[in-house]
Amino acid sequence: MRLIICDNIREDALFTKKLIEEYLTEDKNNISIISPDELLGKIDDNEFDYDIAVIEIEYHRNDLNGIELGKRINDNAPLCNIIYLTDLSDFVSDVYETRHCYFVMKKNQQKTLNRALDKALELYYENSNKNTLHIKCNYNDVYISSQNIQYITRENRRLKIVADKTYECYMGLNDCKKALPEKFLRCHTGYIINPDYIKSIEGNKICMMDNKEIPVGRVYKDNFMLLYKKYLEKKI
């Protein structure tokens, strides 16, 4: 489980981090602090890879606030559970424009942050069974059985998920990989495949059951072949 705290006031972020570390019994080394600009950069570069985001709403900038970041996270990492923090009650109604699991007033966070983390972790563990992939497709929530997914590819900033039919969404490939069962393999910078649908492997090409040829990237080849061998051994 990876958790990120986004606050442009360093002292406030450190205080929130201390409260979270006191709450967690494990994963304390997976808590990061990041600035709003750094978080925006991670989203734009498809490098946002977190399970829980604790986000301060007000950044004293007209062009950016935590709610706008929350919308971007919803679009690019729909499995990430968002907890909003603020000193201002003005934003209470605005947060409902985004998917989030809790809203915490900073002045009360010593009392209420634990409840917010309880909810975020409950949702995280519900998703961890990974039998179903949840995506946002054309503004609609779509749930895809992972056993029906053949492969996933990235085209520009969109993911194409090939299952019983093809779905497209805005989501990071790393975030998608985390949401899938362990057997799903990364074979290329732009592909994740379900080994249940591999027909054959020849050189640096994988032939899928639908005859789609998928490349094996040089960087991924050794690890892919090792994991695929282990997958085959389990099937015997």
C-alpha atoms as a PDB file:
ATOM      1  CA  MET A   1       0.000   0.000   0.000  1.00  0.00           C
ATOM      2  CA  ARG A   2       1.446   3.372  -1.066  1.00  0.00           C
ATOM      3  CA  LEU A   3       0.205   6.640   0.439  1.00  0.00           C
ATOM      4  CA  ILE A   4       0.965  10.195  -0.640  1.00  0.00           C
ATOM      5  CA  ILE A   5       0.451  13.496   1.198  1.00  0.00           C
ATOM      6  CA  CYS A   6       0.091  16.608  -0.964  1.00  0.00           C
ATOM      7  CA  ASP A   7       0.362  19.918   0.879  1.00  0.00           C
ATOM      8  CA  ASN A   8       2.244  23.084  -0.091  1.00  0.00           C
ATOM      9  CA  ILE A   9       2.970  23.827   3.578  1.00  0.00           C
ATOM     10  CA  ARG A  10       5.791  21.504   4.560  1.00  0.00           C
ATOM     11  CA  GLU A  11       5.181  21.748   8.303  1.00  0.00           C
ATOM     12  CA  ASP A  12       1.525  20.768   7.871  1.00  0.00           C
ATOM     13  CA  ALA A  13       2.481  17.830   5.660  1.00  0.00           C
ATOM     14  CA  LEU A  14       4.992  16.585   8.234  1.00  0.00           C
ATOM     15  CA  PHE A  15       2.361  16.806  10.983  1.00  0.00           C
ATOM     16  CA  THR A  16      -0.108  14.806   8.872  1.00  0.00           C
ATOM     17  CA  LYS A  17       2.611  12.252   8.120  1.00  0.00           C
ATOM     18  CA  LYS A  18       3.324  11.871  11.841  1.00  0.00           C
ATOM     19  CA  LEU A  19      -0.370  11.183  12.567  1.00  0.00           C
ATOM     20  CA  ILE A  20      -0.544   8.603   9.778  1.00  0.00           C
ATOM     21  CA  GLU A  21       2.619   6.854  10.975  1.00  0.00           C
ATOM     22  CA  GLU A  22       1.111   6.618  14.467  1.00  0.00           C
ATOM     23  CA  TYR A  23      -2.019   5.068  12.980  1.00  0.00           C
ATOM     24  CA  LEU A  24      -0.428   2.530  10.663  1.00  0.00           C
ATOM     25  CA  THR A  25       0.996  -0.709  12.012  1.00  0.00           C
ATOM     26  CA  GLU A  26       2.821  -1.427   8.746  1.00  0.00           C
ATOM     27  CA  ASP A  27       3.717   0.224   5.423  1.00  0.00           C
ATOM     28  CA  LYS A  28       5.157   3.208   7.296  1.00  0.00           C
ATOM     29  CA  ASN A  29       8.012   3.406   4.780  1.00  0.00           C
ATOM     30  CA  ASN A  30       5.547   3.851   1.910  1.00  0.00           C
ATOM     31  CA  ILE A  31       4.351   7.322   2.926  1.00  0.00           C
ATOM     32  CA  SER A  32       5.544  10.178   0.695  1.00  0.00           C
ATOM     33  CA  ILE A  33       5.170  13.962   0.823  1.00  0.00           C
ATOM     34  CA  ILE A  34       4.854  15.848  -2.443  1.00  0.00           C
ATOM     35  CA  SER A  35       4.083  19.384  -3.585  1.00  0.00           C
ATOM     36  CA  PRO A  36       1.006  20.170  -5.746  1.00  0.00           C
ATOM     37  CA  ASP A  37       3.213  20.908  -8.794  1.00  0.00           C
ATOM     38  CA  GLU A  38       5.108  17.628  -8.349  1.00  0.00           C
ATOM     39  CA  LEU A  39       1.845  15.725  -8.039  1.00  0.00           C
ATOM     40  CA  LEU A  40       0.494  17.351 -11.197  1.00  0.00           C
ATOM     41  CA  GLY A  41       3.709  16.402 -13.001  1.00  0.00           C
ATOM     42  CA  LYS A  42       3.374  12.762 -11.943  1.00  0.00           C
ATOM     43  CA  ILE A  43      -0.182  12.664 -13.263  1.00  0.00           C
ATOM     44  CA  ASP A  44       0.791  14.296 -16.573  1.00  0.00           C
ATOM     45  CA  ASP A  45       3.708  11.872 -16.997  1.00  0.00           C
ATOM     46  CA  ASN A  46       1.584   8.806 -16.130  1.00  0.00           C
ATOM     47  CA  GLU A  47       3.785   8.184 -13.085  1.00  0.00           C
ATOM     48  CA  PHE A  48       1.088   8.513 -10.419  1.00  0.00           C
ATOM     49  CA  ASP A  49       1.172   5.159  -8.613  1.00  0.00           C
ATOM     50  CA  TYR A  50      -0.490   5.522  -5.197  1.00  0.00           C
ATOM     51  CA  ASP A  51      -3.302   3.753  -3.374  1.00  0.00           C
ATOM     52  CA  ILE A  52      -4.302   6.566  -0.995  1.00  0.00           C
ATOM     53  CA  ALA A  53      -3.865  10.323  -1.500  1.00  0.00           C
ATOM     54  CA  VAL A  54      -4.268  12.806   1.368  1.00  0.00           C
ATOM     55  CA  ILE A  55      -4.700  16.153  -0.367  1.00  0.00           C
ATOM     56  CA  GLU A  56      -4.833  19.679   1.034  1.00  0.00           C
ATOM     57  CA  ILE A  57      -7.439  21.610  -0.967  1.00  0.00           C
ATOM     58  CA  GLU A  58      -6.301  25.250  -0.832  1.00  0.00           C
ATOM     59  CA  TYR A  59      -2.978  26.135  -2.518  1.00  0.00           C
ATOM     60  CA  HIS A  60      -3.358  29.926  -2.843  1.00  0.00           C
ATOM     61  CA  ARG A  61      -3.236  29.664  -6.637  1.00  0.00           C
ATOM     62  CA  ASN A  62      -6.062  30.615  -8.971  1.00  0.00           C
ATOM     63  CA  ASP A  63      -5.203  27.895 -11.511  1.00  0.00           C
ATOM     64  CA  LEU A  64      -4.846  24.926  -9.154  1.00  0.00           C
ATOM     65  CA  ASN A  65      -6.386  23.507  -6.020  1.00  0.00           C
ATOM     66  CA  GLY A  66      -6.735  20.104  -4.428  1.00  0.00           C
ATOM     67  CA  ILE A  67     -10.149  19.451  -5.945  1.00  0.00           C
ATOM     68  CA  GLU A  68      -8.757  19.939  -9.454  1.00  0.00           C
ATOM     69  CA  LEU A  69      -5.974  17.498  -8.576  1.00  0.00           C
ATOM     70  CA  GLY A  70      -8.608  15.118  -7.237  1.00  0.00           C
ATOM     71  CA  LYS A  71     -10.420  15.203 -10.579  1.00  0.00           C
ATOM     72  CA  ARG A  72      -7.179  14.414 -12.391  1.00  0.00           C
ATOM     73  CA  ILE A  73      -6.495  11.518 -10.023  1.00  0.00           C
ATOM     74  CA  ASN A  74     -10.037  10.199 -10.566  1.00  0.00           C
ATOM     75  CA  ASP A  75      -9.420  10.180 -14.323  1.00  0.00           C
ATOM     76  CA  ASN A  76      -5.902   8.736 -14.281  1.00  0.00           C
ATOM     77  CA  ALA A  77      -5.907   6.485 -11.206  1.00  0.00           C
ATOM     78  CA  PRO A  78      -9.527   5.614 -10.379  1.00  0.00           C
ATOM     79  CA  LEU A  79      -8.491   3.043  -7.763  1.00  0.00           C
ATOM     80  CA  CYS A  80      -6.736   5.675  -5.643  1.00  0.00           C
ATOM     81  CA  ASN A  81      -8.749   6.638  -2.535  1.00  0.00           C
ATOM     82  CA  ILE A  82      -8.699  10.379  -1.831  1.00  0.00           C
ATOM     83  CA  ILE A  83      -8.895  12.033   1.592  1.00  0.00           C
ATOM     84  CA  TYR A  84      -9.297  15.824   1.458  1.00  0.00           C
ATOM     85  CA  LEU A  85      -7.785  18.119   4.094  1.00  0.00           C
ATOM     86  CA  THR A  86      -8.558  21.810   4.504  1.00  0.00           C
ATOM     87  CA  ASP A  87      -8.793  24.702   6.941  1.00  0.00           C
ATOM     88  CA  LEU A  88     -11.728  26.197   5.028  1.00  0.00           C
ATOM     89  CA  SER A  89     -15.325  24.971   5.125  1.00  0.00           C
ATOM     90  CA  ASP A  90     -16.030  26.785   1.817  1.00  0.00           C
ATOM     91  CA  PHE A  91     -14.974  23.680  -0.105  1.00  0.00           C
ATOM     92  CA  VAL A  92     -17.310  21.202   1.607  1.00  0.00           C
ATOM     93  CA  SER A  93     -19.813  21.116  -1.279  1.00  0.00           C
ATOM     94  CA  ASP A  94     -17.157  21.306  -4.024  1.00  0.00           C
ATOM     95  CA  VAL A  95     -15.459  18.043  -3.015  1.00  0.00           C
ATOM     96  CA  TYR A  96     -18.561  16.136  -4.097  1.00  0.00           C
ATOM     97  CA  GLU A  97     -17.673  16.925  -7.701  1.00  0.00           C
ATOM     98  CA  THR A  98     -15.000  14.217  -7.293  1.00  0.00           C
ATOM     99  CA  ARG A  99     -14.833  10.635  -6.038  1.00  0.00           C
ATOM    100  CA  HIS A 100     -13.288  10.678  -2.585  1.00  0.00           C
ATOM    101  CA  CYS A 101     -13.700   8.706   0.621  1.00  0.00           C
ATOM    102  CA  TYR A 102     -13.419  11.382   3.352  1.00  0.00           C
ATOM    103  CA  PHE A 103     -13.245  15.110   4.062  1.00  0.00           C
ATOM    104  CA  VAL A 104     -11.214  16.197   7.115  1.00  0.00           C
ATOM    105  CA  MET A 105     -10.931  19.660   8.637  1.00  0.00           C
ATOM    106  CA  LYS A 106      -7.287  20.261   9.568  1.00  0.00           C
ATOM    107  CA  LYS A 107      -8.187  21.587  13.000  1.00  0.00           C
ATOM    108  CA  ASN A 108      -9.886  18.244  13.739  1.00  0.00           C
ATOM    109  CA  GLN A 109      -7.493  15.871  12.027  1.00  0.00           C
ATOM    110  CA  GLN A 110      -6.072  14.469  15.268  1.00  0.00           C
ATOM    111  CA  LYS A 111      -9.577  13.176  15.980  1.00  0.00           C
ATOM    112  CA  THR A 112     -10.949  12.425  12.505  1.00  0.00           C
ATOM    113  CA  LEU A 113      -7.981  11.464  10.326  1.00  0.00           C
ATOM    114  CA  ASN A 114      -8.006   7.931  11.756  1.00  0.00           C
ATOM    115  CA  ARG A 115     -11.636   7.492  10.687  1.00  0.00           C
ATOM    116  CA  ALA A 116     -10.730   8.704   7.217  1.00  0.00           C
ATOM    117  CA  LEU A 117      -7.850   6.228   7.034  1.00  0.00           C
ATOM    118  CA  ASP A 118     -10.155   3.439   8.245  1.00  0.00           C
ATOM    119  CA  LYS A 119     -12.446   4.127   5.288  1.00  0.00           C
ATOM    120  CA  ALA A 120      -9.623   4.470   2.759  1.00  0.00           C
ATOM    121  CA  LEU A 121      -8.029   1.197   3.856  1.00  0.00           C
ATOM    122  CA  GLU A 122     -11.383  -0.579   3.811  1.00  0.00           C
ATOM    123  CA  LEU A 123     -11.833   0.447   0.170  1.00  0.00           C
ATOM    124  CA  TYR A 124      -8.226  -0.434  -0.628  1.00  0.00           C
ATOM    125  CA  TYR A 125      -8.588  -3.973   0.730  1.00  0.00           C
ATOM    126  CA  GLU A 126     -11.936  -4.405  -1.033  1.00  0.00           C
ATOM    127  CA  ASN A 127     -10.158  -3.714  -4.323  1.00  0.00           C
ATOM    128  CA  SER A 128      -7.179  -5.904  -3.459  1.00  0.00           C
ATOM    129  CA  ASN A 129      -8.981  -9.145  -4.365  1.00  0.00           C
ATOM    130  CA  LYS A 130      -8.557  -7.901  -7.958  1.00  0.00           C
ATOM    131  CA  ASN A 131     -11.236 -10.120  -9.464  1.00  0.00           C
ATOM    132  CA  THR A 132     -12.766  -7.087 -11.145  1.00  0.00           C
ATOM    133  CA  LEU A 133     -11.110  -4.108 -12.836  1.00  0.00           C
ATOM    134  CA  HIS A 134     -12.952  -0.838 -12.235  1.00  0.00           C
ATOM    135  CA  ILE A 135     -12.475   1.874 -14.851  1.00  0.00           C
ATOM    136  CA  LYS A 136     -14.144   5.098 -15.926  1.00  0.00           C
ATOM    137  CA  CYS A 137     -15.218   4.757 -19.561  1.00  0.00           C
ATOM    138  CA  ASN A 138     -17.027   7.632 -21.302  1.00  0.00           C
ATOM    139  CA  TYR A 139     -17.959   9.099 -17.904  1.00  0.00           C
ATOM    140  CA  ASN A 140     -19.501   5.787 -16.808  1.00  0.00           C
ATOM    141  CA  ASP A 141     -18.255   3.341 -14.173  1.00  0.00           C
ATOM    142  CA  VAL A 142     -17.352   0.043 -15.856  1.00  0.00           C
ATOM    143  CA  TYR A 143     -16.428  -3.199 -14.088  1.00  0.00           C
ATOM    144  CA  ILE A 144     -14.543  -5.809 -16.139  1.00  0.00           C
ATOM    145  CA  SER A 145     -13.954  -9.368 -14.990  1.00  0.00           C
ATOM    146  CA  SER A 146     -10.170  -9.791 -14.888  1.00  0.00           C
ATOM    147  CA  GLN A 147     -10.415 -13.326 -16.279  1.00  0.00           C
ATOM    148  CA  ASN A 148     -11.929 -11.908 -19.485  1.00  0.00           C
ATOM    149  CA  ILE A 149      -9.092  -9.430 -20.065  1.00  0.00           C
ATOM    150  CA  GLN A 150      -6.675 -10.630 -22.761  1.00  0.00           C
ATOM    151  CA  TYR A 151      -4.270  -7.715 -22.873  1.00  0.00           C
ATOM    152  CA  ILE A 152      -3.979  -4.012 -22.176  1.00  0.00           C
ATOM    153  CA  THR A 153      -2.053  -1.499 -24.229  1.00  0.00           C
ATOM    154  CA  ARG A 154      -1.320   2.192 -23.878  1.00  0.00           C
ATOM    155  CA  GLU A 155      -2.002   4.471 -26.818  1.00  0.00           C
ATOM    156  CA  ASN A 156      -0.884   8.027 -26.140  1.00  0.00           C
ATOM    157  CA  ARG A 157      -2.492   8.805 -22.757  1.00  0.00           C
ATOM    158  CA  ARG A 158      -5.338   6.296 -23.050  1.00  0.00           C
ATOM    159  CA  LEU A 159      -5.476   2.636 -22.165  1.00  0.00           C
ATOM    160  CA  LYS A 160      -7.100   0.115 -24.477  1.00  0.00           C
ATOM    161  CA  ILE A 161      -8.380  -2.924 -22.558  1.00  0.00           C
ATOM    162  CA  VAL A 162      -9.181  -5.908 -24.773  1.00  0.00           C
ATOM    163  CA  ALA A 163     -11.637  -8.291 -23.127  1.00  0.00           C
ATOM    164  CA  ASP A 164     -15.072  -9.542 -24.290  1.00  0.00           C
ATOM    165  CA  LYS A 165     -15.021  -6.185 -26.068  1.00  0.00           C
ATOM    166  CA  THR A 166     -12.573  -3.296 -26.149  1.00  0.00           C
ATOM    167  CA  TYR A 167     -12.711  -0.551 -23.515  1.00  0.00           C
ATOM    168  CA  GLU A 168     -10.796   2.699 -23.419  1.00  0.00           C
ATOM    169  CA  CYS A 169     -10.056   4.877 -20.418  1.00  0.00           C
ATOM    170  CA  TYR A 170      -7.590   7.350 -18.939  1.00  0.00           C
ATOM    171  CA  MET A 171      -5.534   5.377 -16.437  1.00  0.00           C
ATOM    172  CA  GLY A 172      -1.846   4.812 -15.800  1.00  0.00           C
ATOM    173  CA  LEU A 173      -0.530   1.449 -16.985  1.00  0.00           C
ATOM    174  CA  ASN A 174       1.231   0.926 -13.631  1.00  0.00           C
ATOM    175  CA  ASP A 175      -1.985   1.647 -11.737  1.00  0.00           C
ATOM    176  CA  CYS A 176      -3.841  -0.792 -13.979  1.00  0.00           C
ATOM    177  CA  LYS A 177      -1.212  -3.494 -13.393  1.00  0.00           C
ATOM    178  CA  LYS A 178      -1.615  -3.100  -9.618  1.00  0.00           C
ATOM    179  CA  ALA A 179      -5.372  -3.539  -9.947  1.00  0.00           C
ATOM    180  CA  LEU A 180      -5.011  -6.890 -11.724  1.00  0.00           C
ATOM    181  CA  PRO A 181      -4.195 -10.378 -10.395  1.00  0.00           C
ATOM    182  CA  GLU A 182      -0.524 -11.268 -10.015  1.00  0.00           C
ATOM    183  CA  LYS A 183      -0.548 -13.532 -13.079  1.00  0.00           C
ATOM    184  CA  PHE A 184      -0.863 -10.523 -15.423  1.00  0.00           C
ATOM    185  CA  LEU A 185       2.566  -9.846 -16.905  1.00  0.00           C
ATOM    186  CA  ARG A 186       4.310  -6.732 -18.172  1.00  0.00           C
ATOM    187  CA  CYS A 187       6.135  -7.656 -21.377  1.00  0.00           C
ATOM    188  CA  HIS A 188       6.708  -4.216 -22.859  1.00  0.00           C
ATOM    189  CA  THR A 189       6.574  -0.565 -21.833  1.00  0.00           C
ATOM    190  CA  GLY A 190       3.183  -0.336 -23.541  1.00  0.00           C
ATOM    191  CA  TYR A 191       1.646  -3.762 -22.827  1.00  0.00           C
ATOM    192  CA  ILE A 192       0.267  -5.919 -19.998  1.00  0.00           C
ATOM    193  CA  ILE A 193      -0.935  -9.397 -20.968  1.00  0.00           C
ATOM    194  CA  ASN A 194      -2.986 -12.183 -19.449  1.00  0.00           C
ATOM    195  CA  PRO A 195      -0.892 -15.358 -19.949  1.00  0.00           C
ATOM    196  CA  ASP A 196      -4.104 -17.420 -20.148  1.00  0.00           C
ATOM    197  CA  TYR A 197      -4.502 -16.017 -23.675  1.00  0.00           C
ATOM    198  CA  ILE A 198      -0.983 -16.639 -24.995  1.00  0.00           C
ATOM    199  CA  LYS A 199      -0.939 -18.965 -28.010  1.00  0.00           C
ATOM    200  CA  SER A 200       2.812 -18.990 -28.589  1.00  0.00           C
ATOM    201  CA  ILE A 201       6.044 -17.051 -28.102  1.00  0.00           C
ATOM    202  CA  GLU A 202       8.524 -16.766 -30.940  1.00  0.00           C
ATOM    203  CA  GLY A 203      11.644 -14.687 -30.438  1.00  0.00           C
ATOM    204  CA  ASN A 204      10.561 -11.219 -29.323  1.00  0.00           C
ATOM    205  CA  LYS A 205       6.912 -11.652 -30.273  1.00  0.00           C
ATOM    206  CA  ILE A 206       3.943 -13.046 -28.371  1.00  0.00           C
ATOM    207  CA  CYS A 207       1.047 -14.400 -30.395  1.00  0.00           C
ATOM    208  CA  MET A 208      -2.237 -14.112 -28.517  1.00  0.00           C
ATOM    209  CA  MET A 209      -5.312 -16.305 -28.999  1.00  0.00           C
ATOM    210  CA  ASP A 210      -6.921 -13.650 -31.219  1.00  0.00           C
ATOM    211  CA  ASN A 211      -3.706 -13.679 -33.348  1.00  0.00           C
ATOM    212  CA  LYS A 212      -2.664 -10.272 -32.074  1.00  0.00           C
ATOM    213  CA  GLU A 213       1.145 -10.054 -32.068  1.00  0.00           C
ATOM    214  CA  ILE A 214       2.569  -8.263 -29.050  1.00  0.00           C
ATOM    215  CA  PRO A 215       6.246  -7.277 -28.796  1.00  0.00           C
ATOM    216  CA  VAL A 216       8.471  -8.301 -25.901  1.00  0.00           C
ATOM    217  CA  GLY A 217      10.591  -5.329 -24.852  1.00  0.00           C
ATOM    218  CA  ARG A 218      14.312  -5.860 -24.340  1.00  0.00           C
ATOM    219  CA  VAL A 219      14.178  -4.391 -20.826  1.00  0.00           C
ATOM    220  CA  TYR A 220      11.282  -6.660 -19.829  1.00  0.00           C
ATOM    221  CA  LYS A 221      12.231  -9.879 -21.627  1.00  0.00           C
ATOM    222  CA  ASP A 222      14.254 -11.714 -18.934  1.00  0.00           C
ATOM    223  CA  ASN A 223      11.792 -11.018 -16.139  1.00  0.00           C
ATOM    224  CA  PHE A 224       8.808 -11.749 -18.377  1.00  0.00           C
ATOM    225  CA  MET A 225      10.183 -15.134 -19.444  1.00  0.00           C
ATOM    226  CA  LEU A 226      11.006 -16.042 -15.828  1.00  0.00           C
ATOM    227  CA  LEU A 227       7.498 -15.181 -14.605  1.00  0.00           C
ATOM    228  CA  TYR A 228       5.873 -16.892 -17.586  1.00  0.00           C
ATOM    229  CA  LYS A 229       7.840 -20.069 -16.841  1.00  0.00           C
ATOM    230  CA  LYS A 230       6.601 -19.967 -13.217  1.00  0.00           C
ATOM    231  CA  TYR A 231       3.060 -19.427 -14.501  1.00  0.00           C
ATOM    232  CA  LEU A 232       3.330 -22.523 -16.730  1.00  0.00           C
ATOM    233  CA  GLU A 233       4.735 -24.594 -13.853  1.00  0.00           C
ATOM    234  CA  LYS A 234       1.697 -23.735 -11.738  1.00  0.00           C
ATOM    235  CA  LYS A 235      -0.578 -24.870 -14.565  1.00  0.00           C
ATOM    236  CA  ILE A 236       0.952 -28.364 -14.671  1.00  0.00           C
END
